[in-house]
Every structure is written in structure tokens, then in C-alpha cells.
Protein backbone atom coordinates (compact mmCIF):
# COMPACT_ATOMS: atom_id res chain seq x y z
CA MET A 1 -1.17 16.12 15.14
CA LYS A 2 -1.99 19.65 14.08
CA GLY A 3 -2.19 22.03 11.15
CA THR A 4 -2.48 20.60 7.64
CA LEU A 5 -1.82 17.06 8.82
CA TRP A 6 -4.74 17.26 11.23
CA LEU A 7 -6.95 18.60 8.44
CA ALA A 8 -5.81 15.80 6.14
CA TRP A 9 -6.68 13.24 8.83
CA ARG A 10 -10.14 14.77 9.32
CA GLN A 11 -10.82 14.57 5.60
CA GLN A 12 -9.48 11.05 5.07
CA ARG A 13 -10.35 9.21 8.26
CA ALA A 14 -13.57 7.80 6.83
CA LEU A 15 -11.62 6.26 3.94
CA ILE A 16 -9.03 4.85 6.35
CA VAL A 17 -11.78 3.26 8.44
CA CYS A 18 -13.39 1.78 5.30
CA GLY A 19 -10.04 0.36 4.20
CA ALA A 20 -9.51 -1.20 7.63
CA ALA A 21 -12.99 -2.72 7.52
CA VAL A 22 -12.33 -4.25 4.10
CA LEU A 23 -9.03 -5.66 5.34
CA LEU A 24 -10.63 -7.18 8.45
CA ALA A 25 -13.41 -8.77 6.38
CA ALA A 26 -10.87 -10.21 3.92
CA ALA A 27 -8.73 -11.53 6.80
CA ALA A 28 -11.73 -13.25 8.40
CA LEU A 29 -12.71 -14.87 5.09
CA ALA A 30 -9.10 -15.92 4.46
CA ALA A 31 -8.71 -17.51 7.90
CA TYR A 32 -11.94 -19.49 7.52
CA SER A 33 -11.35 -20.60 3.92
CA ARG A 34 -7.66 -21.42 4.38
CA ALA A 35 -8.45 -23.61 7.37
CA GLY A 36 -10.87 -25.58 5.17
CA MET A 37 -8.22 -25.94 2.46
CA VAL A 38 -5.66 -27.24 4.95
CA ASP A 39 -8.18 -29.72 6.37
CA ASP A 40 -8.92 -31.03 2.87
CA LEU A 41 -5.21 -31.47 2.16
CA ARG A 42 -4.65 -33.27 5.47
CA SER A 43 -7.55 -35.63 4.76
CA GLY A 44 -5.46 -37.48 2.16
CA LEU A 45 -7.77 -36.77 -0.77
CA PHE A 46 -4.92 -35.13 -2.72
CA ASP A 47 -2.01 -37.32 -1.59
CA GLY A 48 -1.80 -39.08 -4.96
CA CYS A 49 -1.85 -35.88 -7.01
CA ASP A 50 1.34 -34.86 -8.80
CA PRO A 51 2.28 -31.20 -9.22
CA GLY A 52 1.75 -29.81 -12.66
CA PRO A 53 -1.01 -28.72 -14.97
CA LEU A 54 -2.62 -32.19 -15.33
CA TYR A 55 -5.84 -32.60 -13.40
CA CYS A 56 -5.95 -34.70 -10.26
CA THR A 57 -8.89 -37.05 -10.75
CA ARG A 58 -11.16 -38.90 -8.38
CA ALA A 59 -10.89 -42.67 -8.41
CA PRO A 60 -14.59 -43.63 -8.78
CA ASP A 61 -15.58 -41.48 -11.77
CA GLY A 62 -12.35 -39.91 -13.04
CA LEU A 63 -13.63 -36.35 -12.64
CA PRO A 64 -11.16 -33.61 -11.71
CA ARG A 65 -10.74 -32.84 -8.03
CA PHE A 66 -10.15 -29.27 -6.85
CA LEU A 67 -9.67 -27.38 -3.65
CA ASP A 68 -12.17 -24.62 -2.97
CA VAL A 69 -10.09 -21.70 -4.26
CA GLU A 70 -12.93 -19.54 -5.57
CA PRO A 71 -12.91 -17.26 -2.48
CA LEU A 72 -9.15 -16.89 -3.00
CA ARG A 73 -9.73 -15.89 -6.62
CA LEU A 74 -12.30 -13.38 -5.36
CA LEU A 75 -9.64 -11.74 -3.18
CA GLY A 76 -7.29 -11.72 -6.17
CA ALA A 77 -9.94 -10.00 -8.27
CA LEU A 78 -10.43 -7.38 -5.52
CA ASN A 79 -6.68 -6.79 -5.47
CA ILE A 80 -6.60 -6.37 -9.25
CA ALA A 81 -9.38 -3.76 -8.96
CA LEU A 82 -7.72 -2.04 -5.97
CA PRO A 83 -5.71 0.56 -8.00
CA ALA A 84 -8.88 1.79 -9.70
CA LEU A 85 -10.81 1.84 -6.42
CA VAL A 86 -8.04 3.71 -4.59
CA GLY A 87 -7.70 6.19 -7.43
CA MET A 88 -11.43 6.84 -7.75
CA PHE A 89 -12.44 7.06 -4.09
CA TRP A 90 -9.23 8.25 -2.47
CA GLY A 91 -7.15 9.98 -5.13
CA ALA A 92 -9.83 11.83 -7.09
CA PRO A 93 -11.31 13.70 -4.07
CA LEU A 94 -7.88 14.38 -2.56
CA LEU A 95 -7.46 17.69 -4.42
CA GLY A 96 -10.56 17.60 -6.58
CA ARG A 97 -13.07 18.16 -3.77
CA ASP A 98 -11.32 21.28 -2.43
CA ARG A 99 -10.91 22.68 -5.94
CA GLU A 100 -14.53 21.94 -6.79
CA LEU A 101 -15.82 23.66 -3.63
CA GLY A 102 -13.16 26.37 -3.59
CA THR A 103 -12.18 25.61 0.02
CA HIS A 104 -8.49 25.35 -0.89
CA ARG A 105 -8.35 29.14 -1.19
CA MET A 106 -9.38 29.55 2.43
CA VAL A 107 -6.74 27.05 3.57
CA LEU A 108 -4.00 28.76 1.57
CA THR A 109 -4.85 32.14 3.07
CA GLN A 110 -4.12 30.81 6.58
CA GLY A 111 -0.38 30.90 6.07
CA VAL A 112 -0.21 27.39 4.61
CA GLY A 113 2.03 26.92 1.56
CA ARG A 114 0.94 24.97 -1.48
CA ALA A 115 3.66 22.38 -0.95
CA GLN A 116 2.67 21.81 2.66
CA TRP A 117 -1.03 21.64 1.75
CA PHE A 118 -0.38 18.98 -0.88
CA ALA A 119 2.35 17.02 0.93
CA SER A 120 0.37 16.47 4.13
CA ARG A 121 -2.73 15.06 2.46
CA PHE A 122 -0.90 13.06 -0.21
CA ALA A 123 1.56 11.59 2.29
CA LEU A 124 -1.29 10.38 4.49
CA ALA A 125 -3.13 8.94 1.49
CA ALA A 126 0.03 7.23 0.21
CA LEU A 127 0.75 5.74 3.64
CA GLY A 128 -2.78 4.40 3.89
CA THR A 129 -2.58 3.01 0.35
CA VAL A 130 0.72 1.23 1.02
CA MET A 131 -0.56 -0.29 4.25
CA LEU A 132 -3.84 -1.47 2.72
CA SER A 133 -2.38 -2.86 -0.51
CA GLY A 134 0.62 -4.42 1.26
CA ALA A 135 -1.61 -6.13 3.81
CA LEU A 136 -3.93 -7.49 1.09
CA ALA A 137 -0.95 -8.76 -0.92
CA LEU A 138 0.47 -10.55 2.13
CA LEU A 139 -2.96 -11.94 2.98
CA PHE A 140 -3.34 -13.35 -0.52
CA ARG A 141 0.11 -14.93 -0.37
CA TRP A 142 -0.58 -16.57 3.00
CA TRP A 143 -3.97 -17.87 1.86
CA TRP A 144 -2.57 -19.11 -1.46
CA GLU A 145 0.43 -21.00 -0.05
CA PRO A 146 -1.26 -24.41 0.56
CA ALA A 147 -2.68 -24.47 -2.99
CA ALA A 148 0.18 -22.79 -4.85
CA ASN A 149 1.15 -24.25 -8.24
CA ARG A 150 -0.99 -27.36 -8.04
CA SER A 151 -3.58 -28.60 -10.52
CA TYR A 152 -6.12 -28.67 -7.70
CA GLY A 153 -5.21 -25.14 -6.57
CA LEU A 154 -3.95 -21.98 -8.24
CA PHE A 155 -0.91 -21.53 -10.48
CA TRP A 156 1.43 -18.57 -10.13
CA TYR A 157 0.78 -17.30 -13.66
CA GLU A 158 -2.98 -16.93 -13.28
CA ALA A 159 -3.91 -13.25 -13.28
CA THR A 160 -5.37 -13.33 -9.78
CA ALA A 161 -2.06 -14.61 -8.40
CA LEU A 162 0.42 -12.80 -10.63
CA THR A 163 -1.30 -9.39 -10.55
CA GLY A 164 -3.19 -9.68 -7.29
CA SER A 165 -0.21 -10.34 -5.04
CA GLY A 166 3.36 -9.26 -4.40
CA PRO A 167 5.03 -5.83 -4.41
CA SER A 168 3.56 -4.98 -7.81
CA LEU A 169 0.16 -4.64 -6.13
CA VAL A 170 1.53 -1.89 -3.87
CA ALA A 171 3.06 -0.08 -6.85
CA ALA A 172 -0.18 -0.43 -8.81
CA ALA A 173 -2.22 0.99 -5.91
CA LEU A 174 0.13 3.98 -5.62
CA PHE A 175 -0.19 4.47 -9.37
CA GLY A 176 -3.98 4.54 -9.03
CA LEU A 177 -3.70 7.08 -6.22
CA ALA A 178 -1.39 9.28 -8.33
CA VAL A 179 -3.73 9.09 -11.34
CA GLY A 180 -6.74 10.07 -9.25
CA THR A 181 -4.89 12.95 -7.58
CA LEU A 182 -3.73 14.40 -10.88
CA ALA A 183 -7.18 13.94 -12.43
CA GLY A 184 -8.77 15.81 -9.53
CA LEU A 185 -6.33 18.68 -9.94
CA LEU A 186 -6.92 18.95 -13.69
CA THR A 187 -10.69 18.47 -13.91
CA ARG A 188 -11.71 20.33 -10.72
CA ARG A 189 -14.71 17.96 -10.55
CA VAL A 190 -14.65 14.84 -8.41
CA LEU A 191 -17.01 12.82 -10.61
CA SER A 192 -15.07 13.70 -13.75
CA ALA A 193 -11.83 12.82 -12.02
CA MET A 194 -13.26 9.45 -10.97
CA ALA A 195 -14.29 8.68 -14.54
CA TRP A 196 -10.87 9.60 -15.93
CA THR A 197 -9.16 7.59 -13.21
CA LEU A 198 -11.21 4.50 -14.03
CA LEU A 199 -10.38 4.88 -17.72
CA VAL A 200 -6.63 5.39 -17.24
CA THR A 201 -6.14 2.67 -14.62
CA GLY A 202 -8.22 0.27 -16.71
CA VAL A 203 -6.14 0.90 -19.83
CA VAL A 204 -2.89 0.48 -17.91
CA ALA A 205 -4.15 -2.73 -16.28
CA VAL A 206 -5.00 -4.18 -19.69
CA ALA A 207 -1.58 -3.12 -21.00
CA VAL A 208 0.18 -4.82 -18.10
CA GLN A 209 -1.75 -8.04 -18.72
CA TRP A 210 -0.74 -7.83 -22.38
CA THR A 211 2.94 -7.55 -21.46
CA HIS A 212 2.52 -10.66 -19.34
CA ARG A 213 0.91 -12.69 -22.10
CA ALA A 214 3.38 -11.46 -24.71
CA ARG A 215 6.35 -12.03 -22.32
CA LEU A 216 7.48 -8.57 -23.37
CA LEU A 217 9.43 -7.73 -20.21
CA VAL A 218 10.24 -11.22 -18.91
CA PRO A 219 11.29 -13.43 -21.83
CA PRO A 220 10.60 -17.17 -21.66
CA HIS A 221 13.17 -19.94 -21.40
CA ARG A 222 13.67 -22.47 -24.21
CA TYR A 223 13.73 -26.12 -23.15
CA VAL A 224 15.32 -28.55 -25.61
CA SER A 225 15.12 -32.36 -25.54
CA ASP A 226 15.64 -35.35 -27.80
CA GLY A 227 12.60 -35.86 -29.92
CA TRP A 228 12.35 -39.62 -29.47
CA GLN A 229 12.44 -39.51 -25.68
CA PRO A 230 9.69 -38.15 -23.40
CA LYS A 231 10.26 -34.46 -22.82
CA GLU A 232 10.67 -32.90 -19.43
CA PRO A 233 7.28 -32.47 -17.69
CA MET A 234 5.86 -28.98 -17.91
CA GLY A 235 5.21 -28.89 -14.16
CA ASP A 236 4.51 -25.38 -12.92
CA LYS A 237 5.99 -23.66 -15.97
CA TRP A 238 3.91 -21.12 -17.88
CA SER A 239 3.94 -22.22 -21.51
CA THR A 240 3.97 -19.66 -24.29
CA GLY A 241 2.34 -22.15 -26.67
CA HIS A 242 5.47 -22.06 -28.86
CA TYR A 243 6.95 -25.48 -29.46
CA GLY A 244 8.44 -27.33 -32.38
CA LEU A 245 11.45 -29.09 -33.90
CA ILE A 246 15.06 -28.03 -34.47
CA THR A 247 17.26 -29.02 -37.42
CA GLY A 248 21.00 -29.59 -37.31
CA SER A 249 21.53 -26.06 -38.63
CA GLY A 250 19.43 -24.57 -35.83
CA ARG A 251 16.30 -23.83 -37.86
CA ARG A 252 13.08 -24.13 -35.88
CA ASP A 253 9.95 -25.59 -37.49
CA SER A 254 6.45 -26.34 -36.33
CA ALA A 255 5.86 -29.51 -34.33
CA LEU A 256 3.19 -30.40 -36.89
CA GLU A 257 5.98 -31.40 -39.28
CA CYS A 258 6.30 -34.55 -37.18
CA ALA A 259 3.08 -34.82 -35.23
CA SER A 260 3.67 -38.33 -33.86
CA PRO A 261 4.08 -38.75 -30.09
CA SER A 262 7.41 -39.71 -28.57
CA GLY A 263 8.62 -43.06 -29.89
CA ARG A 264 9.77 -44.87 -33.01
CA GLU A 265 7.45 -43.05 -35.43
CA LEU A 266 8.57 -39.64 -34.22
CA ARG A 267 12.24 -40.64 -34.40
CA GLU A 268 11.87 -41.88 -37.96
CA CYS A 269 10.08 -38.67 -39.01
CA MET A 270 12.72 -36.47 -37.38
CA THR A 271 15.55 -38.41 -39.01
CA ARG A 272 13.86 -38.21 -42.38
CA HIS A 273 13.51 -34.43 -42.18
CA GLY A 274 16.84 -33.70 -40.53
CA TYR A 275 15.54 -32.74 -37.09
CA VAL A 276 17.85 -33.38 -34.15
CA SER A 277 15.75 -32.19 -31.20
CA ARG A 278 12.53 -30.56 -30.17
CA TYR A 279 11.79 -27.61 -27.93
CA TYR A 280 9.15 -25.66 -26.09
CA GLU A 281 9.21 -22.17 -24.56
CA ALA A 282 7.94 -21.43 -21.07
CA ASN A 283 8.56 -19.35 -17.97
CA PRO A 284 9.50 -21.34 -14.86
CA ALA A 285 7.89 -20.60 -11.51
CA GLY A 286 10.93 -18.58 -10.45
CA ASP A 287 9.96 -15.96 -13.04
CA TYR A 288 7.07 -14.97 -10.77
CA TRP A 289 9.49 -12.55 -9.12
CA GLY A 290 10.76 -11.36 -12.49
CA PHE A 291 7.23 -10.32 -13.43
CA GLN A 292 6.70 -8.81 -9.99
CA TRP A 293 9.77 -6.59 -9.99
CA THR A 294 9.38 -5.42 -13.59
CA ASP A 295 5.76 -4.48 -12.90
CA THR A 296 6.80 -2.77 -9.67
CA ALA A 297 9.45 -0.72 -11.45
CA LEU A 298 7.09 0.19 -14.30
CA LEU A 299 4.07 1.16 -12.19
CA GLY A 300 6.14 2.73 -9.43
CA GLY A 301 7.99 4.83 -11.98
CA LEU A 302 4.72 5.97 -13.55
CA ALA A 303 3.33 6.85 -10.11
CA LEU A 304 6.41 8.92 -9.28
CA ALA A 305 6.23 10.71 -12.63
CA LEU A 306 2.56 11.59 -12.09
CA VAL A 307 3.26 12.92 -8.61
CA LEU A 308 6.02 15.15 -10.00
CA VAL A 309 3.65 16.44 -12.70
CA THR A 310 1.05 17.16 -10.01
CA VAL A 311 3.58 19.12 -7.95
CA LEU A 312 4.64 21.19 -10.96
CA LEU A 313 1.05 21.97 -11.91
CA LEU A 314 0.16 22.91 -8.34
CA ARG A 315 2.60 25.78 -8.55
CA ARG A 316 0.54 27.31 -11.38
CA ARG A 317 -3.05 26.17 -10.93
CA VAL A 318 -3.87 26.68 -7.25
């Protein structure tokens, strides 16, 4: 290791060590907490619990019974915040510190090209980001597996699971790194770059959550059943909250038009109003990967675009 790569390592090794320490602490917490979850499941306390959104209750008092998944949700929250943290503390100083102190001029006068100066430090930062975010995503998945999609655990569509795991987390972390790097180049002040990075990554994170809730990129499925028979259990589907009745012509009306539960009263109401079936809209558990890959493509594409903008600006600003 020599030249610009050695300099990049010297400047970033403290961040790499901090990332490794965070990963080791998370792994230790995951191993301890997951072992407790598995022991609780093996004890038989949850053997009578059906999958689905309905609570599993205790026999004596009827209160809901849950696994201890709060530490898992804490890891999910850390993963959701990871793009902002990477962008602020790794991306913003990547170019911003040298430009703020003026040390980049000395480096560039030593026969080092702008492309080489940028590529060495950004490549190392990107590699570290991919390794850290990928390891945290895999750790979350491993820890989550015993409690996945159960009323006493954690459903796939909860933000900590849907956003805090999978390949989209890696893409989001790279996006945060790209935002911070570009902000450092433009502002020439590390603190200003950190503030802008927090703002941009926060806005994008909120926008991504909105696309999830609105099912903008992964449309829901429509499940149709006879109105006078019990409908298919919701199970681990993520309901949109849209449900109602369908006429013979295909028109969809609110379920409040016939608010009776399944049975004779509902059948009579449906017949009277010309309804032939009822429906609800939801995303099945398999759509977890649909959300993951659309988010990965979106955030990965934005990260690549920002890196290209950074490269173009470097040719004029440094």
C-alpha cells in the first residue's frame, strides 16, 4: 500500500476502526438477544400462536404475549440512520476537510492527478461502507429470522425490517456517502457539509417511506372473495386499508354499504344492492423483495449520479 491509497488509509483508518467496533457490539448484542428469543420459542409458550396480525394471548389473563424484539428494533433504527451517519462522518470530511484546510493543493503538486486523488479515497470509503452496511443488514436478518412475520415478533413491512435490512440498506448507505462527499466538495466546510448531508438524507428517507406507504413503486394485490363466506385470513400481508364490495358490473364501493359481518345479514344486504363479492388490497410477504430491489435501484442510481456529478465538478473546482 503506497501513494494516494496509503494516504487515504491513514485518513480513514479511525473511521474504519469505529465501524468495526460498532459491528462487533451489534453482533454481541444480537447473539445474546437471539439466543433468548430461541429459548423462549423452544419453551412452548408460543406453540399455540397462529401466524398473522392477531395477537397471541396468555391463557390466564388474555393479555398479548410478545417476544423481546425491542433490541432488534433498536438495530433496525440504527440501520435506518446509517446513511445519514455515513454521509456526515465519512462522506462530508472525505473531500471537505482537505478543501477546508487547503491540504489538497499540496497533494496535487506531488504529481498526483485529481482523478487518482479522488478515486483512492472514495474507493476505500465505498468499500468500508459496503462492508459495514452489508454486515449490519445480514446481522439484522439473522437475528430477525426466529420472530419474522409473527404477531409476537416483527412483521416484514415494519420500517425497521423493510428499511433496516436487505440490499437496499447497502444502496442507502452508499447514497449517504455520495451525498456527504459532494456536499464537502461544494461547501468547503466540513460542518456545513454535515448539516447539508443530514438534511438531504433525511428528506430522501422520508420520501422512501412515503413511497412504501403509498405503494407507489410496488402496487398491492387485490384479493376477492364471496361476501357471505369468511374471507381469506390476512396472515402476513401488508394491508393498504382499502377494502369494499364489488357489483356485477365491476364497480367498487365502500364496505360500509353492507357493514354486517360474514353471514346471512351480509348476504341479504349484498343481494339487495347488487354486490357479488368483496375485496381487500394488500401486499403479500413476497413483496418484501419487490420493495428491496426497487429501493436498491432508486438509491443506487442516485448514488451513482451524485458520484458522477462530483467527478465532473472536481475537474473544475480543485
